[in-house]
Amino acid sequence: MRPRYRSVVFDLDGTLADTEPLVLGCMLETINGHGHAVDEELLLKYIGPPLPVMLNNMLGLSAEQAQPIYLDYLRRYEDVYMPQTRPLPGAESLLDALCEASVPLAIVTNKREDAGRKTVELLDWTDRFETIIGADTASDPKPHPAPLMYALEILAGEPESAVMVGDTDSDMGAGRNAGFAAVIGIVGLRDDEYLRRFGATDTAGDLAGVQNLLFDS
């Protein structure tokens, strides 16, 4: 198989790592524990940006009001939820294929960089990625193009030959805003129509489908 792109940038949660139920569970427990009544349906409407941005969009909380919730979430997630992280089906074979083809890889997540690195270490993927960019690494988080462009600098890549793979509107928007050649959305958290509205050029139902889009047979 021949790779179609010279650089691949992945989101982490819900894209390569099976963390969606962990993230949602921790958010529900933390936010409700601080006296705000939210449910999973409401969270799913706003998930994607960093939690402080979500809390502003969802509950109108200022950065100052959101900070104690955010810090509590980070502690709780690392101590209780992160150890339960597993790869999504197809992640290992996809990363194997890309590494065997010598395609440089990066992760751009809206987690903090240290949390992203710990997740990747837990999955034993550290050697597979040239860099891991978090919400606090570049000037702005996704959907701003800054973290993707920073990743490309490290990969020595160009937008015209790069692809972004993710599962949220923030991922799609970041890829579009960075001018990537392709933006692949994984259907699940969001449907095909939604992902395309925010910038997906292609969609797949799972990582096996993503692999088909990343390689010429």
N, C-alpha and C. Protein backbone atom coordinates (compact mmCIF):
# COMPACT_ATOMS: atom_id res chain seq x y z
N MET A 1 0.85 -1.20 0.00
CA MET A 1 0.00 0.00 0.00
C MET A 1 0.88 1.24 0.00
N ARG A 2 0.44 2.26 -0.72
CA ARG A 2 1.19 3.51 -0.80
C ARG A 2 0.42 4.61 -0.07
N PRO A 3 1.08 5.34 0.85
CA PRO A 3 0.38 6.40 1.58
C PRO A 3 0.03 7.57 0.66
N ARG A 4 -1.13 8.15 0.89
CA ARG A 4 -1.60 9.27 0.07
C ARG A 4 -1.09 10.62 0.57
N TYR A 5 -0.63 10.67 1.81
CA TYR A 5 -0.24 11.96 2.41
C TYR A 5 1.14 11.83 3.04
N ARG A 6 1.86 12.94 3.08
CA ARG A 6 3.22 12.93 3.62
C ARG A 6 3.26 13.19 5.12
N SER A 7 2.18 13.72 5.67
CA SER A 7 2.09 13.97 7.11
C SER A 7 0.68 13.65 7.57
N VAL A 8 0.55 13.02 8.74
CA VAL A 8 -0.76 12.72 9.30
C VAL A 8 -0.82 13.26 10.72
N VAL A 9 -1.84 14.06 10.98
CA VAL A 9 -2.08 14.61 12.32
C VAL A 9 -3.37 14.00 12.85
N PHE A 10 -3.29 13.42 14.03
CA PHE A 10 -4.44 12.79 14.66
C PHE A 10 -4.91 13.57 15.88
N ASP A 11 -6.21 13.60 16.09
CA ASP A 11 -6.76 13.88 17.41
C ASP A 11 -6.50 12.63 18.25
N LEU A 12 -6.73 12.73 19.56
CA LEU A 12 -6.46 11.59 20.44
C LEU A 12 -7.74 10.95 20.98
N ASP A 13 -8.49 11.69 21.80
CA ASP A 13 -9.68 11.13 22.44
C ASP A 13 -10.79 10.87 21.44
N GLY A 14 -11.27 9.64 21.40
CA GLY A 14 -12.36 9.29 20.50
C GLY A 14 -11.92 9.08 19.07
N THR A 15 -10.62 9.28 18.81
CA THR A 15 -10.07 9.08 17.47
C THR A 15 -9.16 7.86 17.46
N LEU A 16 -8.16 7.88 18.33
CA LEU A 16 -7.27 6.72 18.50
C LEU A 16 -7.49 6.03 19.84
N ALA A 17 -7.82 6.80 20.86
CA ALA A 17 -8.01 6.26 22.20
C ALA A 17 -9.50 6.17 22.54
N ASP A 18 -9.88 5.05 23.12
CA ASP A 18 -11.29 4.81 23.46
C ASP A 18 -11.60 5.49 24.80
N THR A 19 -11.67 6.80 24.76
CA THR A 19 -11.81 7.59 25.99
C THR A 19 -13.13 8.34 26.10
N GLU A 20 -13.95 8.28 25.06
CA GLU A 20 -15.19 9.07 25.11
C GLU A 20 -16.02 8.79 26.36
N PRO A 21 -16.30 7.52 26.71
CA PRO A 21 -17.09 7.29 27.92
C PRO A 21 -16.36 7.71 29.19
N LEU A 22 -15.03 7.64 29.18
CA LEU A 22 -14.25 8.07 30.34
C LEU A 22 -14.32 9.58 30.52
N VAL A 23 -14.13 10.30 29.43
CA VAL A 23 -14.19 11.77 29.48
C VAL A 23 -15.57 12.24 29.90
N LEU A 24 -16.60 11.67 29.27
CA LEU A 24 -17.97 12.07 29.61
C LEU A 24 -18.29 11.75 31.07
N GLY A 25 -17.90 10.57 31.51
CA GLY A 25 -18.17 10.19 32.89
C GLY A 25 -17.50 11.10 33.88
N CYS A 26 -16.25 11.44 33.61
CA CYS A 26 -15.51 12.32 34.51
C CYS A 26 -16.08 13.74 34.50
N MET A 27 -16.46 14.22 33.32
CA MET A 27 -17.06 15.55 33.23
C MET A 27 -18.37 15.61 34.01
N LEU A 28 -19.22 14.61 33.82
CA LEU A 28 -20.50 14.58 34.53
C LEU A 28 -20.29 14.58 36.04
N GLU A 29 -19.42 13.72 36.49
CA GLU A 29 -19.16 13.60 37.93
C GLU A 29 -18.62 14.91 38.50
N THR A 30 -17.70 15.53 37.77
CA THR A 30 -17.05 16.74 38.27
C THR A 30 -17.98 17.95 38.22
N ILE A 31 -18.61 18.17 37.07
CA ILE A 31 -19.46 19.36 36.92
C ILE A 31 -20.65 19.29 37.86
N ASN A 32 -21.30 18.15 37.92
CA ASN A 32 -22.44 18.00 38.84
C ASN A 32 -22.00 18.11 40.29
N GLY A 33 -20.78 17.65 40.58
CA GLY A 33 -20.26 17.75 41.93
C GLY A 33 -20.01 19.18 42.37
N HIS A 34 -19.92 20.08 41.40
CA HIS A 34 -19.75 21.50 41.70
C HIS A 34 -21.08 22.25 41.65
N GLY A 35 -22.18 21.51 41.63
CA GLY A 35 -23.50 22.13 41.76
C GLY A 35 -24.17 22.54 40.48
N HIS A 36 -23.67 22.09 39.34
CA HIS A 36 -24.29 22.42 38.05
C HIS A 36 -24.95 21.16 37.50
N ALA A 37 -26.24 21.23 37.24
CA ALA A 37 -27.00 20.06 36.78
C ALA A 37 -26.85 19.91 35.27
N VAL A 38 -26.03 18.96 34.84
CA VAL A 38 -25.88 18.67 33.41
C VAL A 38 -26.04 17.16 33.21
N ASP A 39 -26.42 16.78 32.00
CA ASP A 39 -26.52 15.36 31.67
C ASP A 39 -25.69 15.08 30.42
N GLU A 40 -25.60 13.81 30.04
CA GLU A 40 -24.76 13.43 28.91
C GLU A 40 -25.24 14.06 27.61
N GLU A 41 -26.54 14.16 27.43
CA GLU A 41 -27.08 14.76 26.20
C GLU A 41 -26.61 16.19 26.04
N LEU A 42 -26.61 16.95 27.13
CA LEU A 42 -26.15 18.34 27.07
C LEU A 42 -24.65 18.39 26.79
N LEU A 43 -23.88 17.56 27.47
CA LEU A 43 -22.43 17.55 27.26
C LEU A 43 -22.08 17.26 25.81
N LEU A 44 -22.79 16.31 25.20
CA LEU A 44 -22.48 15.92 23.83
C LEU A 44 -22.69 17.05 22.84
N LYS A 45 -23.52 18.01 23.18
CA LYS A 45 -23.75 19.15 22.30
C LYS A 45 -22.55 20.10 22.29
N TYR A 46 -21.76 20.07 23.35
CA TYR A 46 -20.70 21.07 23.51
C TYR A 46 -19.30 20.49 23.53
N ILE A 47 -19.18 19.17 23.56
CA ILE A 47 -17.86 18.57 23.71
C ILE A 47 -16.99 18.83 22.48
N GLY A 48 -15.70 18.98 22.71
CA GLY A 48 -14.75 19.26 21.62
C GLY A 48 -13.69 20.25 22.05
N PRO A 49 -14.10 21.48 22.44
CA PRO A 49 -13.11 22.45 22.91
C PRO A 49 -12.57 22.06 24.29
N PRO A 50 -11.51 22.73 24.77
CA PRO A 50 -11.07 22.51 26.15
C PRO A 50 -12.20 22.76 27.14
N LEU A 51 -12.16 22.09 28.29
CA LEU A 51 -13.27 22.15 29.24
C LEU A 51 -13.63 23.57 29.67
N PRO A 52 -12.68 24.47 29.95
CA PRO A 52 -13.09 25.84 30.33
C PRO A 52 -13.92 26.52 29.25
N VAL A 53 -13.59 26.28 27.98
CA VAL A 53 -14.38 26.85 26.88
C VAL A 53 -15.76 26.20 26.85
N MET A 54 -15.80 24.88 27.03
CA MET A 54 -17.10 24.18 27.10
C MET A 54 -17.98 24.76 28.20
N LEU A 55 -17.40 25.01 29.37
CA LEU A 55 -18.17 25.51 30.51
C LEU A 55 -18.71 26.90 30.24
N ASN A 56 -17.94 27.69 29.50
CA ASN A 56 -18.43 29.02 29.11
C ASN A 56 -19.56 28.90 28.10
N ASN A 57 -19.37 28.06 27.08
CA ASN A 57 -20.39 27.91 26.04
C ASN A 57 -21.66 27.28 26.58
N MET A 58 -21.52 26.33 27.50
CA MET A 58 -22.64 25.52 27.97
C MET A 58 -23.36 26.16 29.15
N LEU A 59 -22.59 26.74 30.08
CA LEU A 59 -23.18 27.26 31.32
C LEU A 59 -22.94 28.75 31.53
N GLY A 60 -22.21 29.37 30.61
CA GLY A 60 -21.94 30.80 30.75
C GLY A 60 -20.95 31.13 31.85
N LEU A 61 -20.12 30.16 32.25
CA LEU A 61 -19.16 30.40 33.32
C LEU A 61 -17.96 31.18 32.80
N SER A 62 -17.49 32.12 33.59
CA SER A 62 -16.28 32.85 33.25
C SER A 62 -15.06 31.95 33.45
N ALA A 63 -13.91 32.40 32.95
CA ALA A 63 -12.69 31.62 33.13
C ALA A 63 -12.39 31.42 34.61
N GLU A 64 -12.63 32.44 35.41
CA GLU A 64 -12.39 32.35 36.85
C GLU A 64 -13.33 31.34 37.50
N GLN A 65 -14.59 31.35 37.10
CA GLN A 65 -15.57 30.40 37.66
C GLN A 65 -15.29 28.97 37.21
N ALA A 66 -14.78 28.82 36.00
CA ALA A 66 -14.52 27.48 35.45
C ALA A 66 -13.26 26.85 36.01
N GLN A 67 -12.32 27.66 36.47
CA GLN A 67 -11.01 27.14 36.86
C GLN A 67 -11.04 26.06 37.93
N PRO A 68 -11.78 26.23 39.05
CA PRO A 68 -11.78 25.15 40.05
C PRO A 68 -12.41 23.86 39.53
N ILE A 69 -13.41 23.96 38.66
CA ILE A 69 -14.01 22.77 38.06
C ILE A 69 -12.99 22.07 37.17
N TYR A 70 -12.28 22.87 36.38
CA TYR A 70 -11.29 22.32 35.47
C TYR A 70 -10.17 21.61 36.23
N LEU A 71 -9.65 22.23 37.28
CA LEU A 71 -8.57 21.63 38.05
C LEU A 71 -9.03 20.34 38.73
N ASP A 72 -10.26 20.34 39.24
CA ASP A 72 -10.82 19.14 39.85
C ASP A 72 -10.96 18.03 38.81
N TYR A 73 -11.43 18.40 37.61
CA TYR A 73 -11.56 17.43 36.52
C TYR A 73 -10.21 16.81 36.17
N LEU A 74 -9.17 17.64 36.04
CA LEU A 74 -7.85 17.12 35.68
C LEU A 74 -7.34 16.13 36.71
N ARG A 75 -7.49 16.45 37.99
CA ARG A 75 -7.04 15.54 39.05
C ARG A 75 -7.83 14.23 39.02
N ARG A 76 -9.15 14.37 38.91
CA ARG A 76 -10.01 13.19 38.94
C ARG A 76 -9.75 12.29 37.73
N TYR A 77 -9.60 12.91 36.55
CA TYR A 77 -9.40 12.11 35.34
C TYR A 77 -8.08 11.34 35.42
N GLU A 78 -7.02 12.01 35.83
CA GLU A 78 -5.71 11.35 35.88
C GLU A 78 -5.70 10.22 36.91
N ASP A 79 -6.32 10.44 38.05
CA ASP A 79 -6.27 9.46 39.14
C ASP A 79 -7.20 8.26 38.91
N VAL A 80 -8.40 8.53 38.38
CA VAL A 80 -9.44 7.51 38.34
C VAL A 80 -9.71 6.98 36.93
N TYR A 81 -9.79 7.89 35.96
CA TYR A 81 -10.27 7.51 34.63
C TYR A 81 -9.16 7.16 33.65
N MET A 82 -8.08 7.92 33.64
CA MET A 82 -7.02 7.69 32.66
C MET A 82 -6.47 6.27 32.67
N PRO A 83 -6.28 5.63 33.84
CA PRO A 83 -5.75 4.27 33.83
C PRO A 83 -6.63 3.26 33.09
N GLN A 84 -7.88 3.62 32.82
CA GLN A 84 -8.79 2.72 32.11
C GLN A 84 -8.70 2.85 30.59
N THR A 85 -7.83 3.74 30.10
CA THR A 85 -7.74 4.03 28.67
C THR A 85 -7.28 2.81 27.87
N ARG A 86 -7.96 2.59 26.76
CA ARG A 86 -7.60 1.53 25.83
C ARG A 86 -7.61 2.09 24.40
N PRO A 87 -6.87 1.46 23.47
CA PRO A 87 -6.93 1.91 22.07
C PRO A 87 -8.26 1.54 21.45
N LEU A 88 -8.72 2.35 20.53
CA LEU A 88 -9.91 1.99 19.76
C LEU A 88 -9.58 0.86 18.79
N PRO A 89 -10.58 0.04 18.43
CA PRO A 89 -10.34 -1.03 17.46
C PRO A 89 -9.74 -0.48 16.16
N GLY A 90 -8.70 -1.11 15.70
CA GLY A 90 -8.05 -0.68 14.46
C GLY A 90 -6.93 0.31 14.64
N ALA A 91 -6.78 0.87 15.85
CA ALA A 91 -5.75 1.90 16.06
C ALA A 91 -4.35 1.32 15.89
N GLU A 92 -4.10 0.18 16.49
CA GLU A 92 -2.75 -0.40 16.42
C GLU A 92 -2.36 -0.74 14.98
N SER A 93 -3.27 -1.36 14.24
CA SER A 93 -2.94 -1.74 12.86
C SER A 93 -2.76 -0.51 11.97
N LEU A 94 -3.55 0.53 12.21
CA LEU A 94 -3.41 1.77 11.43
C LEU A 94 -2.06 2.42 11.70
N LEU A 95 -1.70 2.54 12.97
CA LEU A 95 -0.41 3.16 13.31
C LEU A 95 0.75 2.30 12.81
N ASP A 96 0.60 0.98 12.89
CA ASP A 96 1.64 0.09 12.35
C ASP A 96 1.85 0.35 10.86
N ALA A 97 0.75 0.44 10.12
CA ALA A 97 0.85 0.63 8.67
C ALA A 97 1.51 1.96 8.32
N LEU A 98 1.14 3.01 9.04
CA LEU A 98 1.72 4.33 8.77
C LEU A 98 3.20 4.37 9.13
N CYS A 99 3.55 3.77 10.25
CA CYS A 99 4.96 3.75 10.66
C CYS A 99 5.80 2.91 9.70
N GLU A 100 5.26 1.79 9.25
CA GLU A 100 5.97 0.95 8.28
C GLU A 100 6.19 1.69 6.97
N ALA A 101 5.27 2.60 6.64
CA ALA A 101 5.40 3.40 5.42
C ALA A 101 6.22 4.67 5.64
N SER A 102 6.76 4.83 6.86
CA SER A 102 7.61 5.98 7.22
C SER A 102 6.89 7.31 7.09
N VAL A 103 5.58 7.32 7.38
CA VAL A 103 4.81 8.56 7.38
C VAL A 103 4.96 9.22 8.75
N PRO A 104 5.45 10.47 8.82
CA PRO A 104 5.58 11.13 10.11
C PRO A 104 4.21 11.47 10.71
N LEU A 105 4.07 11.21 12.00
CA LEU A 105 2.78 11.34 12.68
C LEU A 105 2.86 12.31 13.85
N ALA A 106 1.75 13.01 14.09
CA ALA A 106 1.64 13.89 15.25
C ALA A 106 0.26 13.74 15.85
N ILE A 107 0.15 14.05 17.13
CA ILE A 107 -1.14 14.17 17.80
C ILE A 107 -1.35 15.62 18.18
N VAL A 108 -2.53 16.14 17.87
CA VAL A 108 -2.95 17.45 18.35
C VAL A 108 -4.25 17.26 19.11
N THR A 109 -4.20 17.47 20.40
CA THR A 109 -5.34 17.24 21.28
C THR A 109 -5.74 18.52 21.99
N ASN A 110 -6.99 18.61 22.39
CA ASN A 110 -7.42 19.73 23.22
C ASN A 110 -7.31 19.42 24.71
N LYS A 111 -6.68 18.28 25.04
CA LYS A 111 -6.19 18.07 26.40
C LYS A 111 -4.99 18.98 26.63
N ARG A 112 -4.61 19.17 27.87
CA ARG A 112 -3.31 19.77 28.14
C ARG A 112 -2.22 18.82 27.62
N GLU A 113 -1.09 19.40 27.24
CA GLU A 113 -0.04 18.57 26.66
C GLU A 113 0.41 17.45 27.59
N ASP A 114 0.57 17.76 28.88
CA ASP A 114 1.04 16.72 29.80
C ASP A 114 0.05 15.56 29.89
N ALA A 115 -1.25 15.86 29.86
CA ALA A 115 -2.26 14.80 29.90
C ALA A 115 -2.24 13.98 28.61
N GLY A 116 -2.04 14.66 27.48
CA GLY A 116 -1.94 13.94 26.22
C GLY A 116 -0.75 13.00 26.20
N ARG A 117 0.39 13.48 26.69
CA ARG A 117 1.59 12.65 26.73
C ARG A 117 1.42 11.44 27.65
N LYS A 118 0.78 11.66 28.79
CA LYS A 118 0.55 10.54 29.72
C LYS A 118 -0.36 9.49 29.10
N THR A 119 -1.37 9.94 28.35
CA THR A 119 -2.26 8.99 27.68
C THR A 119 -1.51 8.18 26.64
N VAL A 120 -0.68 8.86 25.85
CA VAL A 120 0.10 8.17 24.81
C VAL A 120 1.10 7.20 25.45
N GLU A 121 1.72 7.60 26.55
CA GLU A 121 2.65 6.71 27.25
C GLU A 121 1.91 5.47 27.78
N LEU A 122 0.72 5.69 28.31
CA LEU A 122 -0.08 4.58 28.83
C LEU A 122 -0.39 3.55 27.74
N LEU A 123 -0.61 4.05 26.53
CA LEU A 123 -0.93 3.18 25.39
C LEU A 123 0.33 2.62 24.72
N ASP A 124 1.50 3.02 25.22
CA ASP A 124 2.79 2.57 24.67
C ASP A 124 2.97 3.00 23.22
N TRP A 125 2.58 4.25 22.94
CA TRP A 125 2.67 4.78 21.58
C TRP A 125 3.70 5.89 21.44
N THR A 126 4.47 6.16 22.47
CA THR A 126 5.36 7.32 22.44
C THR A 126 6.27 7.32 21.23
N ASP A 127 6.82 6.17 20.87
CA ASP A 127 7.78 6.10 19.77
C ASP A 127 7.13 6.26 18.40
N ARG A 128 5.82 6.23 18.34
CA ARG A 128 5.13 6.31 17.05
C ARG A 128 4.94 7.76 16.57
N PHE A 129 5.01 8.71 17.49
CA PHE A 129 4.67 10.09 17.15
C PHE A 129 5.87 11.01 17.30
N GLU A 130 6.02 11.89 16.31
CA GLU A 130 7.09 12.88 16.36
C GLU A 130 6.83 13.94 17.42
N THR A 131 5.57 14.25 17.65
CA THR A 131 5.23 15.27 18.64
C THR A 131 3.81 15.08 19.12
N ILE A 132 3.54 15.60 20.30
CA ILE A 132 2.19 15.64 20.87
C ILE A 132 1.92 17.07 21.29
N ILE A 133 0.94 17.68 20.66
CA ILE A 133 0.60 19.08 20.89
C ILE A 133 -0.68 19.14 21.70
N GLY A 134 -0.67 19.90 22.79
CA GLY A 134 -1.85 20.05 23.62
C GLY A 134 -2.49 21.41 23.49
N ALA A 135 -3.60 21.60 24.21
CA ALA A 135 -4.31 22.87 24.16
C ALA A 135 -3.47 24.02 24.68
N ASP A 136 -2.47 23.70 25.51
CA ASP A 136 -1.62 24.72 26.11
C ASP A 136 -0.26 24.82 25.42
N THR A 137 -0.06 24.13 24.30
CA THR A 137 1.24 24.12 23.64
C THR A 137 1.39 25.30 22.68
N ALA A 138 0.43 25.48 21.81
CA ALA A 138 0.47 26.56 20.82
C ALA A 138 -0.32 27.76 21.35
N SER A 139 -0.42 28.79 20.53
CA SER A 139 -1.08 30.03 20.97
C SER A 139 -2.56 29.84 21.23
N ASP A 140 -3.21 28.94 20.48
CA ASP A 140 -4.65 28.70 20.61
C ASP A 140 -4.92 27.22 20.38
N PRO A 141 -5.98 26.68 20.99
CA PRO A 141 -6.35 25.28 20.74
C PRO A 141 -7.16 25.14 19.46
N LYS A 142 -7.40 23.90 19.04
CA LYS A 142 -8.33 23.65 17.93
C LYS A 142 -9.69 24.25 18.28
N PRO A 143 -10.41 24.83 17.33
CA PRO A 143 -10.25 24.76 15.87
C PRO A 143 -9.30 25.78 15.24
N HIS A 144 -8.59 26.55 16.07
CA HIS A 144 -7.58 27.45 15.51
C HIS A 144 -6.52 26.61 14.80
N PRO A 145 -5.97 27.11 13.69
CA PRO A 145 -4.98 26.32 12.96
C PRO A 145 -3.61 26.25 13.63
N ALA A 146 -3.36 27.10 14.63
CA ALA A 146 -2.01 27.21 15.21
C ALA A 146 -1.41 25.88 15.66
N PRO A 147 -2.14 25.03 16.40
CA PRO A 147 -1.50 23.78 16.83
C PRO A 147 -1.19 22.83 15.69
N LEU A 148 -2.00 22.84 14.64
CA LEU A 148 -1.73 21.98 13.49
C LEU A 148 -0.51 22.49 12.72
N MET A 149 -0.41 23.80 12.58
CA MET A 149 0.73 24.36 11.87
C MET A 149 2.02 24.13 12.65
N TYR A 150 1.93 24.20 13.96
CA TYR A 150 3.10 23.92 14.80
C TYR A 150 3.52 22.45 14.64
N ALA A 151 2.53 21.56 14.62
CA ALA A 151 2.83 20.15 14.41
C ALA A 151 3.53 19.93 13.06
N LEU A 152 3.05 20.61 12.03
CA LEU A 152 3.66 20.45 10.70
C LEU A 152 5.09 20.95 10.68
N GLU A 153 5.38 22.01 11.43
CA GLU A 153 6.77 22.49 11.52
C GLU A 153 7.67 21.37 12.03
N ILE A 154 7.22 20.68 13.06
CA ILE A 154 8.02 19.61 13.66
C ILE A 154 8.12 18.42 12.70
N LEU A 155 7.05 18.15 11.96
CA LEU A 155 7.05 17.04 11.00
C LEU A 155 7.76 17.39 9.70
N ALA A 156 8.15 18.67 9.54
CA ALA A 156 8.73 19.16 8.29
C ALA A 156 7.77 18.90 7.13
N GLY A 157 6.48 19.13 7.39
CA GLY A 157 5.45 18.90 6.39
C GLY A 157 4.83 20.18 5.88
N GLU A 158 3.98 20.04 4.88
CA GLU A 158 3.25 21.16 4.28
C GLU A 158 1.76 20.85 4.31
N PRO A 159 0.91 21.88 4.50
CA PRO A 159 -0.54 21.64 4.51
C PRO A 159 -1.05 20.94 3.26
N GLU A 160 -0.43 21.24 2.11
CA GLU A 160 -0.89 20.70 0.83
C GLU A 160 -0.71 19.19 0.73
N SER A 161 0.09 18.61 1.62
CA SER A 161 0.29 17.15 1.58
C SER A 161 0.01 16.51 2.93
N ALA A 162 -0.81 17.20 3.75
CA ALA A 162 -1.11 16.72 5.10
C ALA A 162 -2.59 16.40 5.24
N VAL A 163 -2.90 15.53 6.21
CA VAL A 163 -4.28 15.16 6.50
C VAL A 163 -4.50 15.24 8.01
N MET A 164 -5.66 15.72 8.40
CA MET A 164 -6.09 15.74 9.80
C MET A 164 -7.16 14.68 9.98
N VAL A 165 -7.04 13.89 11.06
CA VAL A 165 -8.03 12.85 11.37
C VAL A 165 -8.58 13.10 12.77
N GLY A 166 -9.91 13.24 12.88
CA GLY A 166 -10.51 13.49 14.18
C GLY A 166 -11.99 13.14 14.18
N ASP A 167 -12.65 13.48 15.30
CA ASP A 167 -14.06 13.08 15.44
C ASP A 167 -14.98 14.21 15.89
N THR A 168 -14.47 15.44 16.01
CA THR A 168 -15.31 16.55 16.46
C THR A 168 -15.23 17.72 15.49
N ASP A 169 -16.14 18.67 15.68
CA ASP A 169 -16.12 19.88 14.86
C ASP A 169 -14.83 20.67 15.06
N SER A 170 -14.25 20.62 16.26
CA SER A 170 -12.98 21.31 16.50
C SER A 170 -11.87 20.73 15.63
N ASP A 171 -11.86 19.42 15.47
CA ASP A 171 -10.87 18.76 14.61
C ASP A 171 -11.07 19.14 13.15
N MET A 172 -12.32 19.09 12.71
CA MET A 172 -12.63 19.40 11.32
C MET A 172 -12.28 20.86 11.01
N GLY A 173 -12.68 21.74 11.92
CA GLY A 173 -12.40 23.16 11.72
C GLY A 173 -10.92 23.46 11.70
N ALA A 174 -10.16 22.80 12.56
CA ALA A 174 -8.72 23.03 12.61
C ALA A 174 -8.06 22.61 11.30
N GLY A 175 -8.44 21.44 10.79
CA GLY A 175 -7.88 20.97 9.53
C GLY A 175 -8.23 21.89 8.38
N ARG A 176 -9.47 22.33 8.34
CA ARG A 176 -9.90 23.26 7.29
C ARG A 176 -9.17 24.59 7.42
N ASN A 177 -9.10 25.12 8.63
CA ASN A 177 -8.46 26.42 8.84
C ASN A 177 -6.97 26.39 8.55
N ALA A 178 -6.35 25.22 8.72
CA ALA A 178 -4.93 25.09 8.43
C ALA A 178 -4.66 24.82 6.95
N GLY A 179 -5.71 24.64 6.16
CA GLY A 179 -5.55 24.40 4.73
C GLY A 179 -5.01 23.03 4.39
N PHE A 180 -5.32 22.03 5.23
CA PHE A 180 -4.83 20.67 4.97
C PHE A 180 -5.46 20.12 3.69
N ALA A 181 -4.72 19.24 3.03
CA ALA A 181 -5.20 18.64 1.79
C ALA A 181 -6.48 17.85 2.02
N ALA A 182 -6.58 17.20 3.18
CA ALA A 182 -7.76 16.40 3.50
C ALA A 182 -8.03 16.47 4.99
N VAL A 183 -9.31 16.37 5.33
CA VAL A 183 -9.74 16.34 6.73
C VAL A 183 -10.71 15.17 6.85
N ILE A 184 -10.32 14.15 7.60
CA ILE A 184 -11.13 12.93 7.72
C ILE A 184 -11.85 12.93 9.06
N GLY A 185 -13.17 12.84 9.01
CA GLY A 185 -13.97 12.78 10.22
C GLY A 185 -14.43 11.36 10.50
N ILE A 186 -14.31 10.94 11.76
CA ILE A 186 -14.78 9.62 12.16
C ILE A 186 -16.19 9.75 12.72
N VAL A 187 -17.13 9.11 12.06
CA VAL A 187 -18.54 9.20 12.46
C VAL A 187 -18.75 8.41 13.75
N GLY A 188 -19.48 9.03 14.65
CA GLY A 188 -19.75 8.39 15.94
C GLY A 188 -20.31 9.42 16.89
N LEU A 189 -19.41 10.21 17.46
CA LEU A 189 -19.83 11.33 18.31
C LEU A 189 -20.66 12.31 17.49
N ARG A 190 -20.24 12.55 16.25
CA ARG A 190 -20.96 13.42 15.31
C ARG A 190 -21.25 12.63 14.04
N ASP A 191 -22.35 12.97 13.35
CA ASP A 191 -22.69 12.23 12.14
C ASP A 191 -21.99 12.83 10.92
N ASP A 192 -22.15 12.15 9.79
CA ASP A 192 -21.47 12.54 8.55
C ASP A 192 -21.79 13.98 8.16
N GLU A 193 -23.06 14.33 8.16
CA GLU A 193 -23.47 15.67 7.74
C GLU A 193 -22.85 16.74 8.64
N TYR A 194 -22.85 16.48 9.93
CA TYR A 194 -22.30 17.45 10.89
C TYR A 194 -20.80 17.65 10.65
N LEU A 195 -20.06 16.56 10.51
CA LEU A 195 -18.62 16.66 10.31
C LEU A 195 -18.28 17.37 9.02
N ARG A 196 -19.02 17.10 7.96
CA ARG A 196 -18.77 17.77 6.68
C ARG A 196 -19.09 19.26 6.76
N ARG A 197 -20.09 19.60 7.54
CA ARG A 197 -20.46 21.01 7.70
C ARG A 197 -19.30 21.82 8.30
N PHE A 198 -18.52 21.17 9.15
CA PHE A 198 -17.43 21.87 9.82
C PHE A 198 -16.08 21.69 9.13
N GLY A 199 -16.05 20.97 8.00
CA GLY A 199 -14.82 20.94 7.24
C GLY A 199 -14.32 19.59 6.79
N ALA A 200 -14.99 18.49 7.15
CA ALA A 200 -14.53 17.17 6.70
C ALA A 200 -14.61 17.06 5.19
N THR A 201 -13.55 16.55 4.58
CA THR A 201 -13.57 16.25 3.15
C THR A 201 -13.96 14.80 2.90
N ASP A 202 -13.74 13.96 3.92
CA ASP A 202 -14.12 12.54 3.86
C ASP A 202 -14.54 12.12 5.26
N THR A 203 -15.34 11.05 5.34
CA THR A 203 -15.69 10.49 6.64
C THR A 203 -15.53 8.97 6.59
N ALA A 204 -15.37 8.40 7.78
CA ALA A 204 -15.26 6.95 7.90
C ALA A 204 -15.99 6.52 9.16
N GLY A 205 -16.46 5.28 9.15
CA GLY A 205 -17.19 4.77 10.30
C GLY A 205 -16.30 4.22 11.40
N ASP A 206 -15.04 3.94 11.05
CA ASP A 206 -14.10 3.38 12.03
C ASP A 206 -12.68 3.57 11.51
N LEU A 207 -11.71 3.09 12.27
CA LEU A 207 -10.32 3.30 11.87
C LEU A 207 -9.89 2.43 10.70
N ALA A 208 -10.57 1.32 10.48
CA ALA A 208 -10.30 0.54 9.27
C ALA A 208 -10.68 1.37 8.04
N GLY A 209 -11.79 2.09 8.14
CA GLY A 209 -12.20 2.98 7.06
C GLY A 209 -11.23 4.13 6.87
N VAL A 210 -10.71 4.65 7.98
CA VAL A 210 -9.68 5.70 7.89
C VAL A 210 -8.45 5.18 7.17
N GLN A 211 -8.04 3.96 7.50
CA GLN A 211 -6.87 3.38 6.85
C GLN A 211 -7.07 3.28 5.34
N ASN A 212 -8.25 2.92 4.92
CA ASN A 212 -8.53 2.85 3.48
C ASN A 212 -8.40 4.22 2.81
N LEU A 213 -8.74 5.28 3.55
CA LEU A 213 -8.64 6.63 2.99
C LEU A 213 -7.21 7.17 2.99
N LEU A 214 -6.35 6.60 3.84
CA LEU A 214 -4.98 7.09 3.94
C LEU A 214 -4.01 6.39 3.00
N PHE A 215 -4.44 5.29 2.40
CA PHE A 215 -3.56 4.52 1.52
C PHE A 215 -4.22 4.24 0.18
N ASP A 216 -3.39 4.24 -0.86
CA ASP A 216 -3.81 3.70 -2.16
C ASP A 216 -3.57 2.21 -2.13
N SER A 217 -4.58 1.43 -2.53
CA SER A 217 -4.42 -0.03 -2.50
C SER A 217 -3.51 -0.51 -3.62
